[in-house]
């Protein structure tokens, strides 16, 4: 879907309800102002034509202290560590997907 964020807007801390990756492709991303998303302990800014990819199960929040609206294209993908959607047995999962870490 397409997401518009107006100047002065905030999205409270939230997280997704299943293992998935979120992709935000910057479409119109104002340069002026504090327009960012905090994911876990990282802070990111959107840039036109660039994708921000993050694990949706991490708590994330958004703020827009700019003067122009921000537009991104939102896509969701299955998380590569979600064995429910994986054709290979758990022992063949990549090392990064094995728990506990």
C-alpha atoms as a PDB file:
ATOM      1  CA  UNK A   1       0.000   0.000   0.000  1.00  0.00           C
ATOM      2  CA  UNK A   2       0.896   3.657  -0.183  1.00  0.00           C
ATOM      3  CA  UNK A   3       1.566   5.451   3.093  1.00  0.00           C
ATOM      4  CA  UNK A   4       1.263   9.203   3.530  1.00  0.00           C
ATOM      5  CA  UNK A   5       2.603  10.897   6.624  1.00  0.00           C
ATOM      6  CA  UNK A   6       1.611  14.516   7.143  1.00  0.00           C
ATOM      7  CA  UNK A   7       3.722  17.165   8.888  1.00  0.00           C
ATOM      8  CA  UNK A   8       3.295  16.992  12.662  1.00  0.00           C
ATOM      9  CA  UNK A   9       2.184  13.352  12.568  1.00  0.00           C
ATOM     10  CA  UNK A  10       3.360  10.644  14.965  1.00  0.00           C
ATOM     11  CA  UNK A  11       2.861   6.889  14.967  1.00  0.00           C
ATOM     12  CA  UNK A  12       3.001   5.397  18.461  1.00  0.00           C
ATOM     13  CA  UNK A  13       5.397   2.528  19.151  1.00  0.00           C
ATOM     14  CA  UNK A  14       3.960  -0.653  17.624  1.00  0.00           C
ATOM     15  CA  UNK A  15       4.996  -3.965  16.065  1.00  0.00           C
ATOM     16  CA  UNK A  16       3.651  -6.523  13.623  1.00  0.00           C
ATOM     17  CA  UNK A  17       1.776  -9.597  14.767  1.00  0.00           C
ATOM     18  CA  UNK A  18       3.691 -12.180  12.738  1.00  0.00           C
ATOM     19  CA  UNK A  19       7.160 -12.890  11.427  1.00  0.00           C
ATOM     20  CA  UNK A  20       7.493 -10.655   8.390  1.00  0.00           C
ATOM     21  CA  UNK A  21       9.810  -8.134   6.821  1.00  0.00           C
ATOM     22  CA  UNK A  22       8.531  -4.647   6.081  1.00  0.00           C
ATOM     23  CA  UNK A  23       9.873  -2.705   3.133  1.00  0.00           C
ATOM     24  CA  UNK A  24       9.345   1.049   2.808  1.00  0.00           C
ATOM     25  CA  UNK A  25      10.306   2.377  -0.626  1.00  0.00           C
ATOM     26  CA  UNK A  26      10.737   6.143  -0.457  1.00  0.00           C
ATOM     27  CA  UNK A  27       8.618   7.959  -3.069  1.00  0.00           C
ATOM     28  CA  UNK A  28       8.439  11.563  -1.842  1.00  0.00           C
ATOM     29  CA  UNK A  29      10.752  12.086   1.093  1.00  0.00           C
ATOM     30  CA  UNK A  30      11.249  15.670   2.266  1.00  0.00           C
ATOM     31  CA  UNK A  31      14.816  16.619   3.136  1.00  0.00           C
ATOM     32  CA  UNK A  32      13.877  19.357   5.615  1.00  0.00           C
ATOM     33  CA  UNK A  33      12.846  18.494   9.161  1.00  0.00           C
ATOM     34  CA  UNK A  34      13.100  15.600  11.575  1.00  0.00           C
ATOM     35  CA  UNK A  35      11.304  12.874   9.614  1.00  0.00           C
ATOM     36  CA  UNK A  36      12.352   9.448  10.817  1.00  0.00           C
ATOM     37  CA  UNK A  37      11.441   5.980  11.990  1.00  0.00           C
ATOM     38  CA  UNK A  38      12.983   4.397  15.066  1.00  0.00           C
ATOM     39  CA  UNK A  39      13.214   0.594  14.831  1.00  0.00           C
ATOM     40  CA  UNK A  40      14.515  -0.992  18.008  1.00  0.00           C
ATOM     41  CA  UNK A  41      17.593   1.098  18.846  1.00  0.00           C
ATOM     42  CA  UNK A  42      18.209   2.248  15.238  1.00  0.00           C
ATOM     43  CA  UNK A  43      16.931   5.448  13.639  1.00  0.00           C
ATOM     44  CA  UNK A  44      16.381   5.677   9.873  1.00  0.00           C
ATOM     45  CA  UNK A  45      15.338   8.355   7.390  1.00  0.00           C
ATOM     46  CA  UNK A  46      13.591   7.641   4.132  1.00  0.00           C
ATOM     47  CA  UNK A  47      15.231   8.660   0.852  1.00  0.00           C
ATOM     48  CA  UNK A  48      13.470   8.831  -2.507  1.00  0.00           C
ATOM     49  CA  UNK A  49      14.173   5.725  -4.580  1.00  0.00           C
ATOM     50  CA  UNK A  50      15.729   3.812  -1.672  1.00  0.00           C
ATOM     51  CA  UNK A  51      14.223   0.985   0.365  1.00  0.00           C
ATOM     52  CA  UNK A  52      14.248   0.627   4.141  1.00  0.00           C
ATOM     53  CA  UNK A  53      13.878  -3.037   5.161  1.00  0.00           C
ATOM     54  CA  UNK A  54      13.251  -4.081   8.762  1.00  0.00           C
ATOM     55  CA  UNK A  55      11.899  -6.926  10.865  1.00  0.00           C
ATOM     56  CA  UNK A  56       8.300  -5.943  11.658  1.00  0.00           C
ATOM     57  CA  UNK A  57       8.376  -7.775  14.999  1.00  0.00           C
ATOM     58  CA  UNK A  58      10.701  -5.084  16.394  1.00  0.00           C
ATOM     59  CA  UNK A  59       8.986  -2.151  18.075  1.00  0.00           C
ATOM     60  CA  UNK A  60       9.002   0.836  15.742  1.00  0.00           C
ATOM     61  CA  UNK A  61       7.626   4.376  15.806  1.00  0.00           C
ATOM     62  CA  UNK A  62       7.526   7.290  13.369  1.00  0.00           C
ATOM     63  CA  UNK A  63       7.699  11.078  13.681  1.00  0.00           C
ATOM     64  CA  UNK A  64       7.331  13.852  11.107  1.00  0.00           C
ATOM     65  CA  UNK A  65       8.547  17.288  12.154  1.00  0.00           C
ATOM     66  CA  UNK A  66       8.848  18.618   8.610  1.00  0.00           C
ATOM     67  CA  UNK A  67       6.732  20.859   6.387  1.00  0.00           C
ATOM     68  CA  UNK A  68       5.834  18.597   3.418  1.00  0.00           C
ATOM     69  CA  UNK A  69       4.086  15.194   3.402  1.00  0.00           C
ATOM     70  CA  UNK A  70       6.152  12.016   3.106  1.00  0.00           C
ATOM     71  CA  UNK A  71       5.038   9.163   0.831  1.00  0.00           C
ATOM     72  CA  UNK A  72       6.352   5.594   0.827  1.00  0.00           C
ATOM     73  CA  UNK A  73       5.281   2.333  -0.804  1.00  0.00           C
ATOM     74  CA  UNK A  74       4.802  -0.381   1.844  1.00  0.00           C
ATOM     75  CA  UNK A  75       5.463  -4.052   1.070  1.00  0.00           C
ATOM     76  CA  UNK A  76       5.505  -7.058   3.392  1.00  0.00           C
ATOM     77  CA  UNK A  77       7.420 -10.290   2.835  1.00  0.00           C
ATOM     78  CA  UNK A  78       7.587 -13.567   4.726  1.00  0.00           C
ATOM     79  CA  UNK A  79      10.448 -13.535   7.185  1.00  0.00           C
ATOM     80  CA  UNK A  80      13.235 -15.876   6.006  1.00  0.00           C
ATOM     81  CA  UNK A  81      13.376 -17.438   9.498  1.00  0.00           C
ATOM     82  CA  UNK A  82       9.652 -18.270   9.559  1.00  0.00           C
ATOM     83  CA  UNK A  83       9.802 -22.058   9.249  1.00  0.00           C
ATOM     84  CA  UNK A  84       6.043 -22.266   8.662  1.00  0.00           C
ATOM     85  CA  UNK A  85       6.619 -20.933   5.148  1.00  0.00           C
ATOM     86  CA  UNK A  86       9.898 -22.705   4.527  1.00  0.00           C
ATOM     87  CA  UNK A  87      10.275 -25.820   2.367  1.00  0.00           C
ATOM     88  CA  UNK A  88      13.465 -26.996   4.095  1.00  0.00           C
ATOM     89  CA  UNK A  89      13.606 -28.722   7.486  1.00  0.00           C
ATOM     90  CA  UNK A  90      14.695 -26.564  10.470  1.00  0.00           C
ATOM     91  CA  UNK A  91      18.182 -28.069  10.554  1.00  0.00           C
ATOM     92  CA  UNK A  92      18.802 -26.635   7.059  1.00  0.00           C
ATOM     93  CA  UNK A  93      17.848 -23.095   8.019  1.00  0.00           C
ATOM     94  CA  UNK A  94      20.592 -20.464   7.845  1.00  0.00           C
ATOM     95  CA  UNK A  95      22.622 -20.058  11.045  1.00  0.00           C
ATOM     96  CA  UNK A  96      21.117 -16.607  11.662  1.00  0.00           C
ATOM     97  CA  UNK A  97      17.662 -18.236  11.991  1.00  0.00           C
ATOM     98  CA  UNK A  98      18.604 -20.778  14.636  1.00  0.00           C
ATOM     99  CA  UNK A  99      17.426 -20.138  18.191  1.00  0.00           C
ATOM    100  CA  UNK A 100      18.526 -19.497  20.823  1.00  0.00           C
ATOM    101  CA  UNK A 101      21.120 -16.991  19.677  1.00  0.00           C
END
